[in-house]
Protein backbone atom coordinates (compact mmCIF):
# COMPACT_ATOMS: atom_id res chain seq x y z
CA MET A 1 119.09 -12.58 11.26
CA LYS A 2 116.86 -15.52 11.89
CA LYS A 3 114.39 -16.06 9.02
CA LEU A 4 110.64 -16.08 9.65
CA LYS A 5 108.90 -19.37 8.85
CA PRO A 6 106.61 -19.24 5.87
CA TYR A 7 103.56 -20.41 7.92
CA LEU A 8 103.79 -17.32 10.09
CA ILE A 9 103.57 -15.16 6.93
CA CYS A 10 100.45 -17.06 5.96
CA SER A 11 98.89 -16.50 9.29
CA MET A 12 99.48 -12.83 9.24
CA LEU A 13 98.13 -12.29 5.85
CA LEU A 14 95.04 -14.43 6.00
CA GLY A 15 94.02 -13.77 9.64
CA VAL A 16 93.16 -17.46 10.16
CA THR A 17 94.35 -20.05 12.64
CA ALA A 18 98.11 -20.60 12.57
CA CYS A 19 99.30 -22.80 9.71
CA GLY A 20 102.01 -24.55 11.71
CA SER A 21 102.11 -27.92 13.05
CA GLY A 22 100.69 -28.22 16.47
CA SER A 23 101.24 -24.63 17.61
CA GLU A 24 98.95 -23.66 20.49
CA GLU A 25 99.12 -19.93 19.76
CA ALA A 26 95.73 -18.17 19.99
CA SER A 27 94.13 -17.76 16.53
CA ILE A 28 92.59 -14.33 15.34
CA GLU A 29 89.36 -14.51 13.26
CA ILE A 30 88.10 -11.33 11.51
CA PRO A 31 84.30 -11.47 10.68
CA ALA A 32 83.07 -10.52 7.20
CA LYS A 33 81.44 -7.09 7.23
CA GLU A 34 77.57 -7.46 6.97
CA SER A 35 75.57 -5.33 4.48
CA GLN A 36 73.11 -3.02 6.39
CA ASN A 37 69.40 -2.91 5.07
CA SER A 38 68.25 0.49 4.01
CA ALA A 39 64.61 1.63 3.80
CA PRO A 40 62.99 1.42 0.42
CA VAL A 41 61.92 4.48 -1.54
CA ALA A 42 58.32 5.06 -2.62
CA ILE A 43 58.09 6.52 -6.16
CA ILE A 44 54.66 7.58 -7.77
CA GLN A 45 54.35 7.87 -11.52
CA SER A 46 51.33 8.59 -13.78
CA GLN A 47 50.63 9.59 -17.39
CA HIS A 48 48.09 12.09 -16.20
CA ASN A 49 48.51 15.82 -15.66
CA PHE A 50 47.84 16.33 -11.90
CA ALA A 51 47.15 19.98 -12.37
CA SER A 52 43.86 19.57 -14.29
CA ILE A 53 42.05 16.33 -13.54
CA VAL A 54 38.35 16.49 -14.50
CA VAL A 55 35.65 15.51 -11.94
CA GLY A 56 34.53 11.91 -12.57
CA SER A 57 37.57 10.85 -14.68
CA SER A 58 39.44 7.76 -13.71
CA ILE A 59 43.25 8.06 -13.25
CA VAL A 60 45.86 5.42 -12.49
CA LEU A 61 48.88 6.01 -10.19
CA ASP A 62 51.89 3.77 -10.61
CA GLY A 63 54.18 2.73 -7.80
CA SER A 64 56.12 -0.04 -9.63
CA GLN A 65 59.29 2.10 -9.83
CA SER A 66 59.67 2.21 -6.10
CA THR A 67 63.14 0.92 -5.26
CA ASP A 68 64.95 -1.14 -2.52
CA ASP A 69 68.60 -1.88 -2.22
CA HIS A 70 68.11 -5.57 -1.50
CA ALA A 71 65.69 -5.96 -4.53
CA GLN A 72 63.17 -7.64 -2.31
CA THR A 73 59.44 -7.99 -3.08
CA LEU A 74 57.79 -4.72 -1.87
CA GLN A 75 54.43 -4.38 -0.08
CA TYR A 76 52.51 -1.28 -1.14
CA LYS A 77 50.17 0.92 0.83
CA TRP A 78 48.22 3.70 -0.83
CA SER A 79 45.91 6.25 1.00
CA VAL A 80 44.16 9.49 0.52
CA LYS A 81 45.90 11.96 2.68
CA SER A 82 43.46 14.96 2.06
CA LYS A 83 40.35 15.67 0.03
CA PRO A 84 37.69 18.49 -0.35
CA GLU A 85 34.95 18.60 2.15
CA ASN A 86 32.12 16.10 1.62
CA SER A 87 34.08 14.27 -1.03
CA ASN A 88 33.77 10.46 -1.23
CA PRO A 89 36.05 9.49 -4.12
CA PHE A 90 36.38 6.01 -5.57
CA ILE A 91 39.70 4.39 -4.64
CA GLY A 92 40.68 1.01 -5.89
CA SER A 93 42.81 -1.62 -4.15
CA THR A 94 45.31 0.06 -1.79
CA ASN A 95 47.72 -2.84 -1.69
CA ASN A 96 48.80 -3.10 -5.40
CA GLN A 97 51.60 -1.60 -7.34
CA THR A 98 48.96 0.67 -9.14
CA LEU A 99 46.04 2.55 -7.72
CA GLU A 100 42.86 3.51 -9.57
CA PHE A 101 41.35 6.83 -8.37
CA THR A 102 38.12 8.70 -9.37
CA PRO A 103 37.48 12.09 -7.75
CA ASP A 104 33.86 13.19 -7.23
CA THR A 105 34.29 16.79 -6.29
CA MET A 106 36.26 19.77 -7.48
CA GLY A 107 39.21 20.77 -5.25
CA ARG A 108 42.64 19.58 -4.10
CA TYR A 109 43.43 15.97 -3.20
CA GLU A 110 46.59 14.47 -1.78
CA LEU A 111 47.39 10.80 -2.32
CA SER A 112 50.27 9.00 -0.67
CA LEU A 113 52.29 5.81 -1.19
CA SER A 114 54.53 4.00 1.25
CA VAL A 115 56.36 0.70 0.50
CA ASN A 116 57.68 -1.94 2.91
CA ASP A 117 60.48 -4.56 2.23
CA GLY A 118 59.41 -6.76 5.08
CA GLU A 119 61.75 -5.07 7.58
CA LEU A 120 61.66 -1.39 6.89
CA GLU A 121 58.97 0.93 5.56
CA SER A 122 59.63 3.93 3.23
CA GLN A 123 58.81 7.50 3.95
CA SER A 124 55.41 8.34 2.20
CA SER A 125 55.60 9.77 -1.27
CA VAL A 126 52.82 12.32 -1.78
CA VAL A 127 51.24 13.75 -4.94
CA SER A 128 48.84 16.61 -5.09
CA ILE A 129 45.97 16.47 -7.57
CA GLN A 130 43.85 19.47 -8.59
CA VAL A 131 40.40 18.46 -9.82
CA VAL A 132 38.46 20.79 -12.00
CA GLU A 133 34.84 20.96 -13.00
CA LYS A 134 33.63 18.82 -15.83
CA PRO A 135 33.45 21.03 -19.09
CA ILE A 136 29.95 22.40 -19.38
CA THR A 137 28.26 22.86 -22.76
CA PRO A 138 27.59 26.64 -23.27
CA LEU A 139 24.07 27.62 -22.58
CA GLN A 140 22.01 27.52 -25.70
CA ASN A 141 18.80 29.24 -24.81
CA GLU A 142 18.16 30.17 -28.38
CA SER A 143 18.96 26.68 -29.87
CA GLY A 144 18.15 23.12 -29.03
CA LYS A 145 15.20 20.99 -29.96
CA VAL A 146 11.77 22.04 -28.51
CA VAL A 147 10.38 18.79 -26.89
CA PHE A 148 7.48 20.47 -25.02
CA ARG A 149 5.67 23.82 -25.32
CA ASP A 150 2.31 25.09 -24.00
CA GLY A 151 1.01 28.51 -24.47
CA PHE A 152 -2.43 27.29 -23.48
CA TRP A 153 -3.81 28.35 -26.80
CA THR A 154 -6.18 25.49 -26.89
CA GLY A 155 -8.19 27.00 -24.07
CA SER A 156 -7.78 23.86 -21.89
CA ILE A 157 -5.12 21.82 -20.14
CA LEU A 158 -4.69 18.68 -22.24
CA VAL A 159 -3.79 15.45 -20.28
CA ASP A 160 -2.88 12.03 -21.60
CA LYS A 161 -1.77 9.84 -18.72
CA ALA A 162 -0.85 6.88 -20.95
CA ASN A 163 1.09 9.18 -23.37
CA ILE A 164 -0.44 7.43 -26.33
CA ASN A 165 -1.70 10.42 -28.28
CA ALA A 166 0.52 13.06 -26.60
CA ASN A 167 1.44 16.12 -28.57
CA ASP A 168 4.30 18.36 -27.53
CA TYR A 169 1.75 20.40 -25.56
CA THR A 170 0.12 17.43 -23.67
CA TRP A 171 0.68 17.06 -20.00
CA SER A 172 1.20 13.63 -18.29
CA SER A 173 -1.19 14.22 -15.38
CA ILE A 174 -2.97 16.81 -13.22
CA GLY A 175 -3.07 16.69 -9.44
CA LEU A 176 -5.83 18.43 -7.45
CA GLN A 177 -6.36 17.97 -3.72
CA MET A 178 -10.00 18.23 -2.85
CA GLU A 179 -11.04 18.37 -6.44
CA ASN A 180 -14.13 20.28 -5.74
CA SER A 181 -12.06 23.14 -4.33
CA SER A 182 -8.58 23.11 -5.80
CA SER A 183 -8.41 23.98 -9.47
CA ALA A 184 -6.25 24.39 -12.57
CA GLU A 185 -7.94 26.24 -15.42
CA ILE A 186 -7.21 28.48 -18.41
CA VAL A 187 -8.02 32.15 -18.12
CA LYS A 188 -6.93 35.40 -19.68
CA ASP A 189 -3.68 37.07 -18.63
CA PRO A 190 -4.45 39.15 -15.49
CA ALA A 191 -1.87 41.69 -16.73
CA GLY A 192 -4.31 42.54 -19.57
CA SER A 193 -2.39 41.18 -22.64
CA GLY A 194 -5.37 38.95 -23.72
CA GLN A 195 -3.15 35.96 -23.73
CA ASN A 196 -4.21 32.59 -22.43
CA VAL A 197 -2.57 31.56 -19.18
CA ALA A 198 -2.91 28.84 -16.48
CA LYS A 199 -4.52 29.82 -13.25
CA PHE A 200 -3.99 27.57 -10.20
CA THR A 201 -6.00 27.98 -6.98
CA VAL A 202 -5.76 26.31 -3.58
CA PRO A 203 -8.36 27.31 -0.98
CA ASP A 204 -7.54 27.67 2.69
CA ASP A 205 -10.02 25.12 3.87
CA GLY A 206 -7.78 23.17 6.25
CA GLN A 207 -7.51 20.25 3.79
CA SER A 208 -6.33 21.49 0.36
CA TYR A 209 -2.62 22.07 -0.33
CA ARG A 210 -1.92 21.41 -4.07
CA ALA A 211 -2.99 22.16 -7.62
CA GLU A 212 -0.35 21.05 -10.12
CA ILE A 213 0.17 19.74 -13.58
CA GLN A 214 3.23 17.54 -14.63
CA ARG A 215 5.11 16.45 -17.77
CA LYS A 216 7.14 13.27 -17.87
CA GLN A 217 8.68 11.32 -20.75
CA PHE A 218 11.90 13.00 -20.92
CA GLU A 219 15.35 11.18 -20.78
CA TRP A 220 18.71 11.96 -19.04
CA GLY A 221 20.68 14.74 -20.48
CA HIS A 222 20.79 18.53 -20.67
CA TYR A 223 17.50 20.56 -20.87
CA ASN A 224 16.44 24.10 -20.72
CA TYR A 225 13.10 25.09 -19.13
CA SER A 226 11.35 28.35 -19.40
CA VAL A 227 8.17 29.42 -17.56
CA SER A 228 6.65 32.71 -16.19
CA HIS A 229 4.85 33.27 -12.89
CA TYR A 230 2.39 35.96 -11.86
CA ILE A 231 1.91 36.53 -8.16
CA PRO A 232 -1.24 38.60 -7.31
CA SER A 233 -1.11 40.98 -4.39
CA THR A 234 -3.76 38.81 -2.62
CA TRP A 235 -0.97 36.20 -1.90
CA PRO A 236 -1.47 34.88 1.64
CA ARG A 237 1.82 35.14 3.53
CA PHE A 238 2.85 32.21 5.65
CA ASP A 239 5.84 31.03 7.66
CA TYR A 240 6.77 28.25 5.31
CA GLY A 241 7.24 27.78 1.54
CA THR A 242 5.02 27.34 -1.53
CA ILE A 243 6.52 25.44 -4.48
CA LEU A 244 5.65 26.91 -7.84
CA THR A 245 7.92 24.88 -10.07
CA GLN A 246 9.65 21.59 -9.35
CA TRP A 247 11.43 18.65 -10.81
CA HIS A 248 10.23 15.59 -8.91
CA GLY A 249 11.70 12.22 -8.56
CA TYR A 250 10.09 8.77 -7.92
CA SER A 251 9.30 6.87 -4.73
CA LEU A 252 12.14 4.78 -3.26
CA ASN A 253 11.57 1.77 -1.01
CA ASN A 254 7.85 2.76 -0.90
CA LYS A 255 8.59 6.30 0.31
CA ASN A 256 7.87 9.44 -1.56
CA LEU A 257 10.83 11.75 -1.68
CA ASN A 258 11.30 15.51 -1.75
CA PRO A 259 11.72 17.03 -5.24
CA PRO A 260 15.43 17.19 -6.09
CA ILE A 261 14.94 20.81 -7.41
CA ALA A 262 12.23 23.20 -6.52
CA LEU A 263 11.52 26.95 -6.99
CA VAL A 264 10.03 28.18 -3.74
CA LEU A 265 8.29 31.41 -2.58
CA PHE A 266 9.09 31.37 1.17
CA GLY A 267 8.11 33.03 4.35
CA LYS A 268 5.88 35.87 5.64
CA LYS A 269 8.28 38.30 4.06
CA PRO A 270 8.49 36.28 0.96
CA GLU A 271 11.80 35.57 -0.83
CA TRP A 272 12.68 33.44 -3.79
CA GLN A 273 14.56 30.30 -2.85
CA LEU A 274 15.89 27.36 -4.90
CA HIS A 275 15.83 24.07 -3.01
CA VAL A 276 18.12 21.26 -4.00
CA TYR A 277 17.78 17.98 -2.17
CA GLN A 278 20.37 15.21 -2.05
CA LEU A 279 19.74 11.60 -1.12
CA LYS A 280 21.80 10.24 1.89
CA PRO A 281 23.59 7.11 1.22
CA LEU A 282 21.29 4.12 2.16
CA SER A 283 22.54 1.85 4.97
CA SER A 284 21.15 -1.10 3.10
CA PRO A 285 19.21 -1.64 -0.23
CA LEU A 286 15.87 -1.64 1.60
CA ALA A 287 16.44 1.10 4.13
CA VAL A 288 14.09 4.03 4.48
CA PRO A 289 15.59 6.77 2.37
CA GLU A 290 16.45 10.23 3.85
CA THR A 291 17.23 13.43 2.03
CA VAL A 292 19.30 16.52 2.85
CA LEU A 293 18.14 20.05 1.83
CA LYS A 294 20.33 22.91 0.47
CA ARG A 295 18.61 26.30 0.27
CA TYR A 296 19.84 29.01 -2.00
CA VAL A 297 18.25 32.47 -1.60
CA LEU A 298 17.88 34.11 -5.03
CA ASP A 299 18.71 37.79 -5.37
CA VAL A 300 15.23 38.45 -7.01
CA PRO A 301 12.55 40.92 -5.61
CA VAL A 302 9.12 39.54 -5.07
CA ASN A 303 7.05 41.86 -7.18
CA TYR A 304 3.35 41.38 -7.08
CA ASP A 305 0.83 41.81 -10.00
CA GLN A 306 3.54 41.38 -12.59
CA TRP A 307 5.11 38.55 -14.47
CA HIS A 308 8.42 36.90 -13.41
CA ASN A 309 10.16 35.23 -16.34
CA TRP A 310 12.29 32.26 -15.28
CA ASN A 311 14.74 30.11 -17.18
CA PHE A 312 16.38 26.89 -15.72
CA ASP A 313 19.27 25.35 -17.63
CA ILE A 314 19.78 21.83 -16.11
CA GLN A 315 22.42 19.21 -16.84
CA TRP A 316 21.55 16.24 -14.68
CA SER A 317 24.20 14.71 -12.55
CA GLN A 318 25.25 11.14 -13.31
CA LEU A 319 26.91 8.11 -11.80
CA ASP A 320 30.15 6.78 -13.33
CA ALA A 321 31.17 3.12 -13.63
CA HIS A 322 32.01 3.03 -9.94
CA GLN A 323 28.75 4.54 -8.79
CA GLN A 324 30.35 7.79 -7.99
CA VAL A 325 28.64 11.15 -8.75
CA ILE A 326 29.65 13.10 -11.86
CA PRO A 327 28.31 16.59 -10.99
CA GLY A 328 25.57 18.31 -12.87
CA LEU A 329 24.81 21.92 -13.29
CA ILE A 330 21.75 24.20 -12.57
CA VAL A 331 21.85 27.71 -13.98
CA VAL A 332 18.84 29.89 -13.02
CA LYS A 333 17.96 33.14 -14.81
CA HIS A 334 15.30 35.72 -13.87
CA ASN A 335 14.27 38.18 -16.59
CA ASP A 336 17.39 37.13 -18.46
CA LYS A 337 19.78 37.88 -15.54
CA GLU A 338 21.68 35.00 -14.01
CA VAL A 339 20.79 34.58 -10.30
CA ALA A 340 22.19 31.11 -9.46
CA ARG A 341 24.82 28.63 -10.73
CA ILE A 342 24.93 25.44 -8.81
CA SER A 343 27.24 22.41 -9.49
CA GLY A 344 26.95 19.11 -7.90
CA GLU A 345 24.47 16.35 -7.29
CA ASN A 346 20.90 17.37 -8.44
CA ASN A 347 18.87 14.19 -8.58
CA TYR A 348 18.50 10.66 -7.08
CA HIS A 349 19.92 8.78 -10.07
CA GLN A 350 16.92 6.65 -10.49
CA ALA A 351 15.78 4.84 -13.67
CA TRP A 352 14.19 7.87 -15.01
CA PRO A 353 15.29 11.61 -14.48
CA PRO A 354 12.98 13.92 -12.39
CA TYR A 355 9.81 15.16 -14.24
CA PHE A 356 8.76 18.71 -14.61
CA GLN A 357 5.86 19.94 -12.48
CA MET A 358 4.26 23.35 -11.82
CA GLY A 359 1.31 25.00 -10.08
CA ILE A 360 0.89 25.38 -6.36
CA TYR A 361 2.20 22.95 -3.70
CA ARG A 362 2.11 24.20 -0.06
CA SER A 363 2.55 20.95 2.15
CA SER A 364 2.36 23.01 5.27
CA TRP A 365 -1.43 23.45 4.56
CA ARG A 366 -1.92 19.69 4.44
CA GLU A 367 -4.69 18.58 6.76
CA GLY A 368 -3.23 17.88 10.31
CA GLU A 369 0.24 19.13 9.18
CA LEU A 370 0.33 22.19 11.47
CA ASN A 371 -1.86 23.55 14.12
CA ARG A 372 -2.77 26.89 12.48
CA PRO A 373 -5.73 29.08 12.22
CA ILE A 374 -7.86 28.88 8.96
CA GLU A 375 -7.95 32.35 7.59
CA GLY A 376 -9.83 31.57 4.40
CA GLN A 377 -7.60 33.35 1.92
CA ALA A 378 -6.97 31.13 -1.14
CA ILE A 379 -3.62 30.85 -2.85
CA VAL A 380 -3.77 32.00 -6.43
CA VAL A 381 -0.91 31.99 -9.02
CA TYR A 382 -0.71 32.13 -12.79
CA HIS A 383 1.70 30.42 -15.17
CA LYS A 384 2.33 30.97 -18.82
CA ASP A 385 4.75 30.28 -21.73
CA VAL A 386 6.11 26.80 -20.87
CA VAL A 387 8.90 25.86 -23.15
CA ILE A 388 11.32 22.78 -22.68
CA LYS A 389 14.22 22.34 -25.00
CA GLU A 390 16.61 19.32 -25.23
CA LEU A 391 20.27 20.53 -25.43
CA ASN A 392 22.01 17.15 -25.57
């Protein structure tokens, strides 16, 4: 049998052009198998427990362990896939390996990460984060430091606008519209106890609409306010509201704002309401500010010719380092029964917190405010036993 030449063996084994001398046989070339690119995989890690993140706390999500089979440099894309209604959380740079995230509202959030290797993008990796309310200090109605108290035992309303010689029963100012008509004075309890109480009167003269006293000089924190109201049966019914107690903010961009919190006796068939105003985001630093009102109808009967004993436990909302809202808390009690518990934004986060004010404020009676008949029946209300405690 004729032997095969060695160069033919070489040709068959290596699959290259024939090794012989000058052979014109067609050569066979087998291309190397190319490695196919696979999509990278997004991986989210964190040291935090996603089941119990506290409102206002800052957490970090880490995508640095995301993988790619070609070990190429990855591009990162973070996003908030879902969030609670009206939430506007802080979210840091969305193109880094890590993401800083600060939730502003209780509820469920979903955050996603996808990575791209320059050719292919991964499927999104999603984590679910349950955000819970900031722990609230238990109510301490019987404890805390008394920072203001007025039982009107002096027989007059003491006012020191400059707060130079103020005692813990000295008011910051008194506001009377049409001072010859509106009044704030000390009288005996109409219920017959003999105790001194404050009487506020606003006549229905087509011009008067307020008679109030206010106390400032408190700082941010947690306070408890107690005050009692007596509504006589002569109370004039009206379509709109009358503020008896409020926490008032300061003007912004030369505009007076609504009180962030107000206790209101509202309507011709009066009902107790708590009004909480929030400030809309400003379109620019000098824009005209606007507020949004939330009304809470309180399950409290409007009883005339008797005292209503109110207690307001208020923790002021705050802004965190990213200017996001850390919710506060308002707890309202009537005759020692809790009638409202409201968590969320409760002030305008100005240099000073809202100041306490009480008396009568019926803006709908302001001159020219409404085309209404003048009936002549004055508004009269009595206040007593004002106590403010600091619970910080």
